[in-house]
Amino acid sequence: AQQAAKSIVYIHKLIAFYYDTNANNLLLNKDLNIKPADFQGRYLLPDSIIVLNSLLLKNVKLFILRSDPNYADRKTDIFALRSTIYFIITGHEPFPELDSFDDDDEAEIISRYKSGQFPILEP
């Protein structure tokens, strides 16, 4: 989890956003160090001019709610990182009983997040 967080911090220092933080995109090398993969991000110049802007694939369980589903920023990456750490600890995504690719379940996930209902880690 710490290496995953450090990789996101490093990407943000490059004035970039990862867009696709999830457990499937955090690979382990031979020394068991995390390497982020499948970068779908946005790269900005220091004056915030967009140099590279990828479309955002979404899994509603992993991404903070936003008005434009193709927009992501630091908050989006941090929310996705928190969901990824939840997956690392529990072995499943938030709300495993719901399918984020089913329209009805997606609406339920969005409703839960909007009402401030987030999965709880049991001790």
N, C-alpha and C. Protein backbone atom coordinates (compact mmCIF):
# COMPACT_ATOMS: atom_id res chain seq x y z
N ALA A 1 0.82 -1.19 0.00
CA ALA A 1 0.00 0.00 0.00
C ALA A 1 0.88 1.26 0.00
N GLN A 2 1.96 1.21 0.78
CA GLN A 2 2.84 2.38 0.85
C GLN A 2 3.50 2.63 -0.50
N GLN A 3 3.96 1.58 -1.16
CA GLN A 3 4.58 1.77 -2.47
C GLN A 3 3.56 2.26 -3.50
N ALA A 4 2.35 1.79 -3.42
CA ALA A 4 1.30 2.27 -4.34
C ALA A 4 1.09 3.76 -4.13
N ALA A 5 1.01 4.19 -2.88
CA ALA A 5 0.83 5.61 -2.58
C ALA A 5 2.01 6.43 -3.08
N LYS A 6 3.22 5.93 -2.85
CA LYS A 6 4.41 6.65 -3.31
C LYS A 6 4.44 6.77 -4.83
N SER A 7 3.95 5.75 -5.53
CA SER A 7 3.96 5.83 -7.00
C SER A 7 3.00 6.91 -7.48
N ILE A 8 1.85 7.07 -6.81
CA ILE A 8 0.90 8.11 -7.19
C ILE A 8 1.48 9.49 -6.88
N VAL A 9 2.14 9.63 -5.74
CA VAL A 9 2.79 10.91 -5.39
C VAL A 9 3.83 11.25 -6.45
N TYR A 10 4.62 10.27 -6.87
CA TYR A 10 5.65 10.51 -7.89
C TYR A 10 5.01 10.96 -9.21
N ILE A 11 3.95 10.28 -9.61
CA ILE A 11 3.27 10.65 -10.86
C ILE A 11 2.74 12.08 -10.77
N HIS A 12 2.19 12.45 -9.61
CA HIS A 12 1.67 13.81 -9.43
C HIS A 12 2.80 14.84 -9.45
N LYS A 13 3.98 14.48 -8.94
CA LYS A 13 5.12 15.41 -8.99
C LYS A 13 5.53 15.69 -10.43
N LEU A 14 5.25 14.76 -11.32
CA LEU A 14 5.55 14.95 -12.74
C LEU A 14 4.48 15.79 -13.43
N ILE A 15 3.55 16.30 -12.65
CA ILE A 15 2.39 17.06 -13.15
C ILE A 15 1.58 16.17 -14.09
N ALA A 16 1.29 14.99 -13.58
CA ALA A 16 0.50 14.04 -14.35
C ALA A 16 -0.52 13.39 -13.42
N PHE A 17 -1.53 12.80 -14.01
CA PHE A 17 -2.53 12.05 -13.26
C PHE A 17 -2.62 10.66 -13.87
N TYR A 18 -2.75 9.65 -13.03
CA TYR A 18 -2.70 8.26 -13.46
C TYR A 18 -3.98 7.80 -14.14
N TYR A 19 -5.12 8.18 -13.62
CA TYR A 19 -6.46 7.87 -14.16
C TYR A 19 -6.91 6.43 -13.93
N ASP A 20 -6.05 5.48 -13.84
CA ASP A 20 -6.49 4.08 -13.81
C ASP A 20 -5.85 3.31 -12.67
N THR A 21 -5.83 3.91 -11.49
CA THR A 21 -5.28 3.24 -10.33
C THR A 21 -6.24 2.14 -9.90
N ASN A 22 -5.77 0.92 -9.94
CA ASN A 22 -6.51 -0.22 -9.39
C ASN A 22 -5.54 -1.37 -9.22
N ALA A 23 -5.94 -2.37 -8.46
CA ALA A 23 -5.04 -3.47 -8.13
C ALA A 23 -4.54 -4.21 -9.38
N ASN A 24 -5.34 -4.27 -10.43
CA ASN A 24 -4.90 -4.95 -11.66
C ASN A 24 -3.78 -4.21 -12.37
N ASN A 25 -3.60 -2.95 -12.09
CA ASN A 25 -2.58 -2.15 -12.76
C ASN A 25 -1.36 -1.86 -11.89
N LEU A 26 -1.26 -2.54 -10.77
CA LEU A 26 -0.08 -2.42 -9.92
C LEU A 26 0.65 -3.76 -9.99
N LEU A 27 1.71 -3.78 -10.77
CA LEU A 27 2.46 -5.02 -10.98
C LEU A 27 3.59 -5.13 -9.97
N LEU A 28 4.04 -6.37 -9.72
CA LEU A 28 5.17 -6.60 -8.83
C LEU A 28 6.37 -7.04 -9.66
N ASN A 29 7.55 -6.47 -9.36
CA ASN A 29 8.75 -6.92 -10.04
C ASN A 29 9.36 -8.08 -9.26
N LYS A 30 10.52 -8.57 -9.67
CA LYS A 30 11.13 -9.74 -9.03
C LYS A 30 11.47 -9.50 -7.57
N ASP A 31 11.65 -8.23 -7.19
CA ASP A 31 11.95 -7.89 -5.80
C ASP A 31 10.69 -7.55 -5.00
N LEU A 32 9.52 -7.81 -5.58
CA LEU A 32 8.21 -7.54 -4.98
C LEU A 32 7.97 -6.06 -4.74
N ASN A 33 8.52 -5.23 -5.62
CA ASN A 33 8.25 -3.80 -5.60
C ASN A 33 7.14 -3.50 -6.60
N ILE A 34 6.27 -2.57 -6.23
CA ILE A 34 5.14 -2.21 -7.10
C ILE A 34 5.59 -1.33 -8.25
N LYS A 35 5.08 -1.66 -9.43
CA LYS A 35 5.31 -0.86 -10.63
C LYS A 35 3.95 -0.56 -11.26
N PRO A 36 3.56 0.71 -11.33
CA PRO A 36 2.27 1.03 -11.96
C PRO A 36 2.30 0.72 -13.45
N ALA A 37 1.19 0.21 -13.97
CA ALA A 37 1.10 -0.14 -15.40
C ALA A 37 -0.19 0.41 -15.97
N ASP A 38 -0.32 0.35 -17.28
CA ASP A 38 -1.53 0.75 -18.00
C ASP A 38 -1.89 2.20 -17.71
N PHE A 39 -0.91 3.07 -17.87
CA PHE A 39 -1.11 4.50 -17.62
C PHE A 39 -2.10 5.08 -18.62
N GLN A 40 -3.19 5.65 -18.12
CA GLN A 40 -4.20 6.27 -18.99
C GLN A 40 -4.37 7.73 -18.62
N GLY A 41 -3.30 8.39 -18.33
CA GLY A 41 -3.42 9.66 -17.66
C GLY A 41 -3.49 10.92 -18.47
N ARG A 42 -3.24 11.96 -17.74
CA ARG A 42 -3.20 13.32 -18.27
C ARG A 42 -1.85 13.89 -17.85
N TYR A 43 -1.16 14.50 -18.80
CA TYR A 43 0.12 15.14 -18.50
C TYR A 43 -0.01 16.63 -18.76
N LEU A 44 0.41 17.42 -17.79
CA LEU A 44 0.30 18.87 -17.87
C LEU A 44 1.67 19.52 -17.86
N LEU A 45 1.79 20.64 -18.54
CA LEU A 45 2.97 21.49 -18.40
C LEU A 45 2.84 22.24 -17.08
N PRO A 46 3.93 22.79 -16.55
CA PRO A 46 3.85 23.51 -15.27
C PRO A 46 2.78 24.60 -15.23
N ASP A 47 2.43 25.18 -16.37
CA ASP A 47 1.40 26.23 -16.38
C ASP A 47 0.00 25.64 -16.62
N SER A 48 -0.14 24.32 -16.42
CA SER A 48 -1.41 23.58 -16.51
C SER A 48 -1.94 23.39 -17.92
N ILE A 49 -1.12 23.63 -18.93
CA ILE A 49 -1.53 23.32 -20.31
C ILE A 49 -1.46 21.80 -20.48
N ILE A 50 -2.54 21.22 -21.01
CA ILE A 50 -2.62 19.77 -21.18
C ILE A 50 -1.80 19.35 -22.39
N VAL A 51 -0.84 18.45 -22.17
CA VAL A 51 -0.01 17.92 -23.25
C VAL A 51 -0.56 16.58 -23.73
N LEU A 52 -1.00 15.75 -22.80
CA LEU A 52 -1.57 14.45 -23.11
C LEU A 52 -2.84 14.29 -22.29
N ASN A 53 -3.92 13.94 -22.94
CA ASN A 53 -5.18 13.76 -22.23
C ASN A 53 -5.86 12.51 -22.75
N SER A 54 -5.87 11.47 -21.95
CA SER A 54 -6.49 10.20 -22.35
C SER A 54 -7.93 10.15 -21.89
N LEU A 55 -8.72 9.37 -22.58
CA LEU A 55 -10.08 9.13 -22.11
C LEU A 55 -10.01 8.25 -20.87
N LEU A 56 -10.94 8.45 -20.00
CA LEU A 56 -10.95 7.76 -18.72
C LEU A 56 -11.91 6.58 -18.77
N LEU A 57 -11.37 5.38 -18.56
CA LEU A 57 -12.23 4.22 -18.40
C LEU A 57 -12.64 4.18 -16.94
N LYS A 58 -13.90 3.88 -16.68
CA LYS A 58 -14.31 3.98 -15.28
C LYS A 58 -14.88 2.69 -14.74
N ASN A 59 -14.56 2.45 -13.52
CA ASN A 59 -15.22 1.47 -12.68
C ASN A 59 -15.74 2.30 -11.53
N VAL A 60 -17.03 2.48 -11.45
CA VAL A 60 -17.61 3.44 -10.51
C VAL A 60 -17.22 3.13 -9.07
N LYS A 61 -16.83 1.90 -8.77
CA LYS A 61 -16.41 1.56 -7.41
C LYS A 61 -15.09 2.22 -7.05
N LEU A 62 -14.31 2.57 -8.05
CA LEU A 62 -12.96 3.07 -7.81
C LEU A 62 -12.81 4.57 -7.96
N PHE A 63 -13.79 5.25 -8.52
CA PHE A 63 -13.61 6.65 -8.83
C PHE A 63 -14.59 7.55 -8.10
N ILE A 64 -14.07 8.64 -7.61
CA ILE A 64 -14.89 9.64 -6.94
C ILE A 64 -15.90 10.21 -7.93
N LEU A 65 -17.05 10.56 -7.44
CA LEU A 65 -18.09 11.12 -8.31
C LEU A 65 -17.66 12.49 -8.82
N ARG A 66 -17.96 12.76 -10.09
CA ARG A 66 -17.60 14.04 -10.70
C ARG A 66 -18.57 14.34 -11.82
N SER A 67 -18.69 15.60 -12.16
CA SER A 67 -19.68 15.99 -13.17
C SER A 67 -19.28 15.53 -14.57
N ASP A 68 -18.00 15.50 -14.87
CA ASP A 68 -17.52 15.05 -16.18
C ASP A 68 -16.82 13.70 -16.00
N PRO A 69 -17.39 12.61 -16.48
CA PRO A 69 -16.79 11.30 -16.27
C PRO A 69 -15.44 11.11 -16.95
N ASN A 70 -15.07 11.99 -17.88
CA ASN A 70 -13.77 11.90 -18.53
C ASN A 70 -12.74 12.84 -17.93
N TYR A 71 -13.06 13.44 -16.79
CA TYR A 71 -12.13 14.34 -16.13
C TYR A 71 -11.61 13.68 -14.86
N ALA A 72 -10.33 13.81 -14.64
CA ALA A 72 -9.73 13.30 -13.41
C ALA A 72 -8.66 14.27 -12.94
N ASP A 73 -8.41 14.25 -11.66
CA ASP A 73 -7.38 15.10 -11.07
C ASP A 73 -6.80 14.38 -9.86
N ARG A 74 -6.09 15.11 -9.00
CA ARG A 74 -5.48 14.48 -7.83
C ARG A 74 -6.52 13.79 -6.95
N LYS A 75 -7.66 14.42 -6.76
CA LYS A 75 -8.71 13.82 -5.93
C LYS A 75 -9.17 12.49 -6.51
N THR A 76 -9.29 12.43 -7.82
CA THR A 76 -9.71 11.19 -8.47
C THR A 76 -8.69 10.09 -8.22
N ASP A 77 -7.41 10.41 -8.41
CA ASP A 77 -6.35 9.43 -8.18
C ASP A 77 -6.31 8.98 -6.72
N ILE A 78 -6.48 9.90 -5.79
CA ILE A 78 -6.41 9.56 -4.36
C ILE A 78 -7.60 8.68 -3.98
N PHE A 79 -8.79 9.00 -4.48
CA PHE A 79 -9.96 8.16 -4.21
C PHE A 79 -9.73 6.75 -4.77
N ALA A 80 -9.22 6.66 -5.98
CA ALA A 80 -8.95 5.35 -6.59
C ALA A 80 -7.88 4.61 -5.81
N LEU A 81 -6.87 5.33 -5.31
CA LEU A 81 -5.83 4.70 -4.49
C LEU A 81 -6.43 4.14 -3.21
N ARG A 82 -7.31 4.90 -2.57
CA ARG A 82 -7.96 4.40 -1.35
C ARG A 82 -8.77 3.15 -1.66
N SER A 83 -9.48 3.13 -2.76
CA SER A 83 -10.24 1.94 -3.14
C SER A 83 -9.32 0.77 -3.44
N THR A 84 -8.15 1.05 -4.03
CA THR A 84 -7.18 0.01 -4.32
C THR A 84 -6.59 -0.56 -3.04
N ILE A 85 -6.28 0.30 -2.08
CA ILE A 85 -5.76 -0.17 -0.79
C ILE A 85 -6.82 -1.02 -0.09
N TYR A 86 -8.08 -0.62 -0.19
CA TYR A 86 -9.17 -1.43 0.36
C TYR A 86 -9.14 -2.82 -0.28
N PHE A 87 -8.95 -2.88 -1.60
CA PHE A 87 -8.87 -4.16 -2.30
C PHE A 87 -7.68 -4.97 -1.82
N ILE A 88 -6.52 -4.33 -1.66
CA ILE A 88 -5.32 -5.03 -1.20
C ILE A 88 -5.56 -5.66 0.17
N ILE A 89 -6.23 -4.94 1.05
CA ILE A 89 -6.46 -5.42 2.42
C ILE A 89 -7.53 -6.51 2.47
N THR A 90 -8.63 -6.32 1.72
CA THR A 90 -9.78 -7.23 1.84
C THR A 90 -9.81 -8.34 0.79
N GLY A 91 -9.13 -8.11 -0.34
CA GLY A 91 -9.18 -9.09 -1.43
C GLY A 91 -10.36 -8.91 -2.36
N HIS A 92 -11.11 -7.82 -2.19
CA HIS A 92 -12.23 -7.53 -3.09
C HIS A 92 -12.46 -6.03 -3.17
N GLU A 93 -13.14 -5.61 -4.24
CA GLU A 93 -13.47 -4.19 -4.41
C GLU A 93 -14.52 -3.77 -3.39
N PRO A 94 -14.69 -2.48 -3.18
CA PRO A 94 -15.79 -2.01 -2.34
C PRO A 94 -17.13 -2.53 -2.88
N PHE A 95 -18.04 -2.81 -1.99
CA PHE A 95 -19.39 -3.29 -2.34
C PHE A 95 -19.33 -4.51 -3.27
N PRO A 96 -18.71 -5.59 -2.82
CA PRO A 96 -18.55 -6.76 -3.71
C PRO A 96 -19.87 -7.38 -4.16
N GLU A 97 -20.95 -7.10 -3.45
CA GLU A 97 -22.25 -7.65 -3.83
C GLU A 97 -22.86 -6.93 -5.04
N LEU A 98 -22.25 -5.81 -5.44
CA LEU A 98 -22.76 -5.03 -6.56
C LEU A 98 -21.81 -5.12 -7.75
N ASP A 99 -22.36 -5.17 -8.95
CA ASP A 99 -21.58 -5.23 -10.18
C ASP A 99 -21.51 -3.82 -10.79
N SER A 100 -20.32 -3.25 -10.82
CA SER A 100 -20.18 -1.87 -11.29
C SER A 100 -20.46 -1.71 -12.78
N PHE A 101 -20.59 -2.82 -13.51
CA PHE A 101 -20.88 -2.73 -14.94
C PHE A 101 -22.36 -3.02 -15.24
N ASP A 102 -23.15 -3.21 -14.20
CA ASP A 102 -24.61 -3.34 -14.32
C ASP A 102 -25.22 -1.97 -14.02
N ASP A 103 -26.08 -1.48 -14.89
CA ASP A 103 -26.61 -0.12 -14.73
C ASP A 103 -27.32 0.09 -13.40
N ASP A 104 -28.14 -0.87 -12.97
CA ASP A 104 -28.85 -0.72 -11.70
C ASP A 104 -27.88 -0.71 -10.52
N ASP A 105 -26.92 -1.63 -10.54
CA ASP A 105 -25.93 -1.68 -9.46
C ASP A 105 -25.06 -0.43 -9.46
N GLU A 106 -24.70 0.05 -10.65
CA GLU A 106 -23.91 1.28 -10.73
C GLU A 106 -24.66 2.44 -10.08
N ALA A 107 -25.95 2.53 -10.34
CA ALA A 107 -26.76 3.59 -9.72
C ALA A 107 -26.77 3.45 -8.20
N GLU A 108 -26.81 2.22 -7.71
CA GLU A 108 -26.79 1.98 -6.26
C GLU A 108 -25.44 2.40 -5.66
N ILE A 109 -24.35 2.08 -6.34
CA ILE A 109 -23.02 2.47 -5.86
C ILE A 109 -22.91 3.99 -5.80
N ILE A 110 -23.35 4.65 -6.86
CA ILE A 110 -23.32 6.12 -6.90
C ILE A 110 -24.16 6.69 -5.76
N SER A 111 -25.33 6.12 -5.54
CA SER A 111 -26.21 6.58 -4.46
C SER A 111 -25.52 6.44 -3.10
N ARG A 112 -24.85 5.32 -2.89
CA ARG A 112 -24.15 5.10 -1.62
C ARG A 112 -23.03 6.12 -1.43
N TYR A 113 -22.24 6.34 -2.46
CA TYR A 113 -21.15 7.32 -2.34
C TYR A 113 -21.71 8.73 -2.11
N LYS A 114 -22.77 9.09 -2.83
CA LYS A 114 -23.36 10.43 -2.66
C LYS A 114 -23.87 10.64 -1.24
N SER A 115 -24.38 9.57 -0.62
CA SER A 115 -24.90 9.70 0.74
C SER A 115 -23.82 9.52 1.80
N GLY A 116 -22.56 9.36 1.35
CA GLY A 116 -21.45 9.23 2.30
C GLY A 116 -21.29 7.83 2.87
N GLN A 117 -21.89 6.85 2.22
CA GLN A 117 -21.78 5.46 2.68
C GLN A 117 -20.60 4.81 1.98
N PHE A 118 -19.57 4.52 2.74
CA PHE A 118 -18.36 3.90 2.20
C PHE A 118 -18.13 2.58 2.92
N PRO A 119 -17.47 1.62 2.27
CA PRO A 119 -17.19 0.35 2.92
C PRO A 119 -16.32 0.56 4.17
N ILE A 120 -16.55 -0.27 5.16
CA ILE A 120 -15.80 -0.18 6.41
C ILE A 120 -14.87 -1.38 6.51
N LEU A 121 -13.64 -1.13 6.92
CA LEU A 121 -12.71 -2.21 7.17
C LEU A 121 -12.96 -2.75 8.57
N GLU A 122 -13.24 -4.03 8.65
CA GLU A 122 -13.44 -4.66 9.95
C GLU A 122 -12.09 -5.03 10.54
N PRO A 123 -11.92 -4.84 11.87
CA PRO A 123 -10.62 -5.19 12.50
C PRO A 123 -10.37 -6.68 12.50
